[in-house]
């Protein structure tokens, strides 16, 4: 099975935010220990794409320090896939994600 995890390098929010553009995609926020605390997506209804989605999410997640993101037009599918991967590994969703009904994913790694 192909690696489904988001494996882009982590960047600090302070360094990453000025360089994010208005593309569609998915992102993960992490605390100072690099523990994922939120998984989000920027869709077609987001006014400034990833930039505004990350700004909004990081304002709500007061322990967010790090960010990684992936630009993709299949943002909704990828978003749900990342949530299912996290849930398969940890048994629940990240602490700052709302409860969401998901399918079941059984990754081999």
C-alpha atoms as a PDB file:
ATOM      1  CA  UNK A   1       0.000   0.000   0.000  1.00  0.00           C
ATOM      2  CA  UNK A   2       1.302   3.462  -0.850  1.00  0.00           C
ATOM      3  CA  UNK A   3       2.235   5.768   1.997  1.00  0.00           C
ATOM      4  CA  UNK A   4      -0.907   7.767   2.730  1.00  0.00           C
ATOM      5  CA  UNK A   5       0.532   9.879   5.540  1.00  0.00           C
ATOM      6  CA  UNK A   6       1.253  13.562   5.044  1.00  0.00           C
ATOM      7  CA  UNK A   7       5.039  13.505   5.082  1.00  0.00           C
ATOM      8  CA  UNK A   8       5.890  17.091   4.179  1.00  0.00           C
ATOM      9  CA  UNK A   9       8.376  18.732   6.542  1.00  0.00           C
ATOM     10  CA  UNK A  10       7.070  20.645   9.543  1.00  0.00           C
ATOM     11  CA  UNK A  11       7.532  24.425   9.515  1.00  0.00           C
ATOM     12  CA  UNK A  12       6.801  26.926  12.241  1.00  0.00           C
ATOM     13  CA  UNK A  13       3.570  28.853  11.742  1.00  0.00           C
ATOM     14  CA  UNK A  14       5.494  32.123  11.947  1.00  0.00           C
ATOM     15  CA  UNK A  15       7.749  31.107   9.045  1.00  0.00           C
ATOM     16  CA  UNK A  16       5.109  29.372   6.935  1.00  0.00           C
ATOM     17  CA  UNK A  17       2.135  31.762   7.055  1.00  0.00           C
ATOM     18  CA  UNK A  18       3.637  34.581   4.958  1.00  0.00           C
ATOM     19  CA  UNK A  19       4.414  32.125   2.139  1.00  0.00           C
ATOM     20  CA  UNK A  20       1.088  30.287   1.935  1.00  0.00           C
ATOM     21  CA  UNK A  21      -1.048  31.183  -1.061  1.00  0.00           C
ATOM     22  CA  UNK A  22      -4.709  30.770  -1.890  1.00  0.00           C
ATOM     23  CA  UNK A  23      -4.588  27.198  -3.170  1.00  0.00           C
ATOM     24  CA  UNK A  24      -6.868  24.314  -2.263  1.00  0.00           C
ATOM     25  CA  UNK A  25      -5.427  21.671   0.019  1.00  0.00           C
ATOM     26  CA  UNK A  26      -5.078  20.038   3.411  1.00  0.00           C
ATOM     27  CA  UNK A  27      -2.987  20.870   6.447  1.00  0.00           C
ATOM     28  CA  UNK A  28      -1.988  19.681   9.892  1.00  0.00           C
ATOM     29  CA  UNK A  29      -1.221  21.799  12.939  1.00  0.00           C
ATOM     30  CA  UNK A  30       1.039  20.501  15.699  1.00  0.00           C
ATOM     31  CA  UNK A  31       2.050  21.642  19.150  1.00  0.00           C
ATOM     32  CA  UNK A  32       5.618  22.286  20.332  1.00  0.00           C
ATOM     33  CA  UNK A  33       6.174  18.505  20.707  1.00  0.00           C
ATOM     34  CA  UNK A  34       5.131  17.933  17.058  1.00  0.00           C
ATOM     35  CA  UNK A  35       1.928  16.174  18.161  1.00  0.00           C
ATOM     36  CA  UNK A  36      -0.854  16.721  15.643  1.00  0.00           C
ATOM     37  CA  UNK A  37      -3.622  18.753  17.267  1.00  0.00           C
ATOM     38  CA  UNK A  38      -5.712  19.660  14.212  1.00  0.00           C
ATOM     39  CA  UNK A  39      -6.251  18.424  10.665  1.00  0.00           C
ATOM     40  CA  UNK A  40      -8.005  20.793   8.290  1.00  0.00           C
ATOM     41  CA  UNK A  41      -8.695  21.556   4.659  1.00  0.00           C
ATOM     42  CA  UNK A  42      -9.152  24.575   2.450  1.00  0.00           C
ATOM     43  CA  UNK A  43     -11.892  24.139  -0.091  1.00  0.00           C
ATOM     44  CA  UNK A  44     -13.472  26.212  -2.808  1.00  0.00           C
ATOM     45  CA  UNK A  45     -15.581  28.158  -0.287  1.00  0.00           C
ATOM     46  CA  UNK A  46     -12.556  29.335   1.694  1.00  0.00           C
ATOM     47  CA  UNK A  47     -12.031  33.005   0.697  1.00  0.00           C
ATOM     48  CA  UNK A  48      -8.229  32.820   0.423  1.00  0.00           C
ATOM     49  CA  UNK A  49      -7.673  29.067   0.276  1.00  0.00           C
ATOM     50  CA  UNK A  50      -5.048  27.537   2.521  1.00  0.00           C
ATOM     51  CA  UNK A  51      -3.919  30.941   3.778  1.00  0.00           C
ATOM     52  CA  UNK A  52      -7.248  31.855   5.387  1.00  0.00           C
ATOM     53  CA  UNK A  53      -8.003  28.273   6.498  1.00  0.00           C
ATOM     54  CA  UNK A  54      -4.677  27.989   8.325  1.00  0.00           C
ATOM     55  CA  UNK A  55      -5.028  31.459   9.864  1.00  0.00           C
ATOM     56  CA  UNK A  56      -8.530  30.654  11.154  1.00  0.00           C
ATOM     57  CA  UNK A  57      -7.543  27.225  12.516  1.00  0.00           C
ATOM     58  CA  UNK A  58      -4.345  28.454  14.171  1.00  0.00           C
ATOM     59  CA  UNK A  59      -6.276  31.251  15.910  1.00  0.00           C
ATOM     60  CA  UNK A  60      -8.629  28.613  17.426  1.00  0.00           C
ATOM     61  CA  UNK A  61      -5.857  26.154  18.315  1.00  0.00           C
ATOM     62  CA  UNK A  62      -3.904  28.104  20.909  1.00  0.00           C
ATOM     63  CA  UNK A  63      -1.165  25.457  21.254  1.00  0.00           C
ATOM     64  CA  UNK A  64      -0.425  25.305  17.498  1.00  0.00           C
ATOM     65  CA  UNK A  65       3.233  26.002  16.722  1.00  0.00           C
ATOM     66  CA  UNK A  66       4.004  23.904  13.627  1.00  0.00           C
ATOM     67  CA  UNK A  67       2.353  23.446  10.254  1.00  0.00           C
ATOM     68  CA  UNK A  68       2.622  21.211   7.243  1.00  0.00           C
ATOM     69  CA  UNK A  69       0.368  21.257   4.220  1.00  0.00           C
ATOM     70  CA  UNK A  70      -0.290  19.677   0.865  1.00  0.00           C
ATOM     71  CA  UNK A  71      -1.799  21.381  -2.164  1.00  0.00           C
ATOM     72  CA  UNK A  72      -4.443  19.201  -3.812  1.00  0.00           C
ATOM     73  CA  UNK A  73      -7.656  19.673  -5.738  1.00  0.00           C
ATOM     74  CA  UNK A  74      -8.972  16.495  -4.058  1.00  0.00           C
ATOM     75  CA  UNK A  75      -8.930  18.287  -0.717  1.00  0.00           C
ATOM     76  CA  UNK A  76     -12.086  16.747   0.752  1.00  0.00           C
ATOM     77  CA  UNK A  77     -11.074  13.158  -0.004  1.00  0.00           C
ATOM     78  CA  UNK A  78      -7.539  13.794   1.260  1.00  0.00           C
ATOM     79  CA  UNK A  79      -8.857  15.524   4.394  1.00  0.00           C
ATOM     80  CA  UNK A  80     -11.063  12.569   5.311  1.00  0.00           C
ATOM     81  CA  UNK A  81      -8.218  10.171   4.500  1.00  0.00           C
ATOM     82  CA  UNK A  82      -5.878  12.003   6.910  1.00  0.00           C
ATOM     83  CA  UNK A  83      -8.546  11.973   9.626  1.00  0.00           C
ATOM     84  CA  UNK A  84      -9.087   8.229   9.155  1.00  0.00           C
ATOM     85  CA  UNK A  85      -5.332   7.577   9.291  1.00  0.00           C
ATOM     86  CA  UNK A  86      -5.044   9.515  12.524  1.00  0.00           C
ATOM     87  CA  UNK A  87      -8.065   7.749  14.003  1.00  0.00           C
ATOM     88  CA  UNK A  88      -6.723   4.317  12.986  1.00  0.00           C
ATOM     89  CA  UNK A  89      -3.441   5.056  14.761  1.00  0.00           C
ATOM     90  CA  UNK A  90      -4.712   6.885  17.877  1.00  0.00           C
ATOM     91  CA  UNK A  91      -8.278   5.652  18.317  1.00  0.00           C
ATOM     92  CA  UNK A  92      -9.740   9.162  18.164  1.00  0.00           C
ATOM     93  CA  UNK A  93      -9.441  12.433  16.248  1.00  0.00           C
ATOM     94  CA  UNK A  94      -6.907  15.182  17.044  1.00  0.00           C
ATOM     95  CA  UNK A  95      -7.797  17.181  20.153  1.00  0.00           C
ATOM     96  CA  UNK A  96      -8.947  20.324  18.303  1.00  0.00           C
ATOM     97  CA  UNK A  97     -10.944  18.583  15.561  1.00  0.00           C
ATOM     98  CA  UNK A  98     -14.699  18.341  16.054  1.00  0.00           C
ATOM     99  CA  UNK A  99     -16.223  14.883  16.259  1.00  0.00           C
ATOM    100  CA  UNK A 100     -16.933  13.626  12.775  1.00  0.00           C
ATOM    101  CA  UNK A 101     -18.419  10.412  11.461  1.00  0.00           C
ATOM    102  CA  UNK A 102     -15.798   8.660   9.350  1.00  0.00           C
ATOM    103  CA  UNK A 103     -15.451   5.443   7.456  1.00  0.00           C
ATOM    104  CA  UNK A 104     -12.881   2.873   8.458  1.00  0.00           C
ATOM    105  CA  UNK A 105      -9.368   2.781   7.075  1.00  0.00           C
ATOM    106  CA  UNK A 106      -6.964  -0.050   7.825  1.00  0.00           C
ATOM    107  CA  UNK A 107      -3.527   1.060   6.631  1.00  0.00           C
ATOM    108  CA  UNK A 108      -0.807  -1.555   6.638  1.00  0.00           C
ATOM    109  CA  UNK A 109       1.705   0.861   8.167  1.00  0.00           C
END
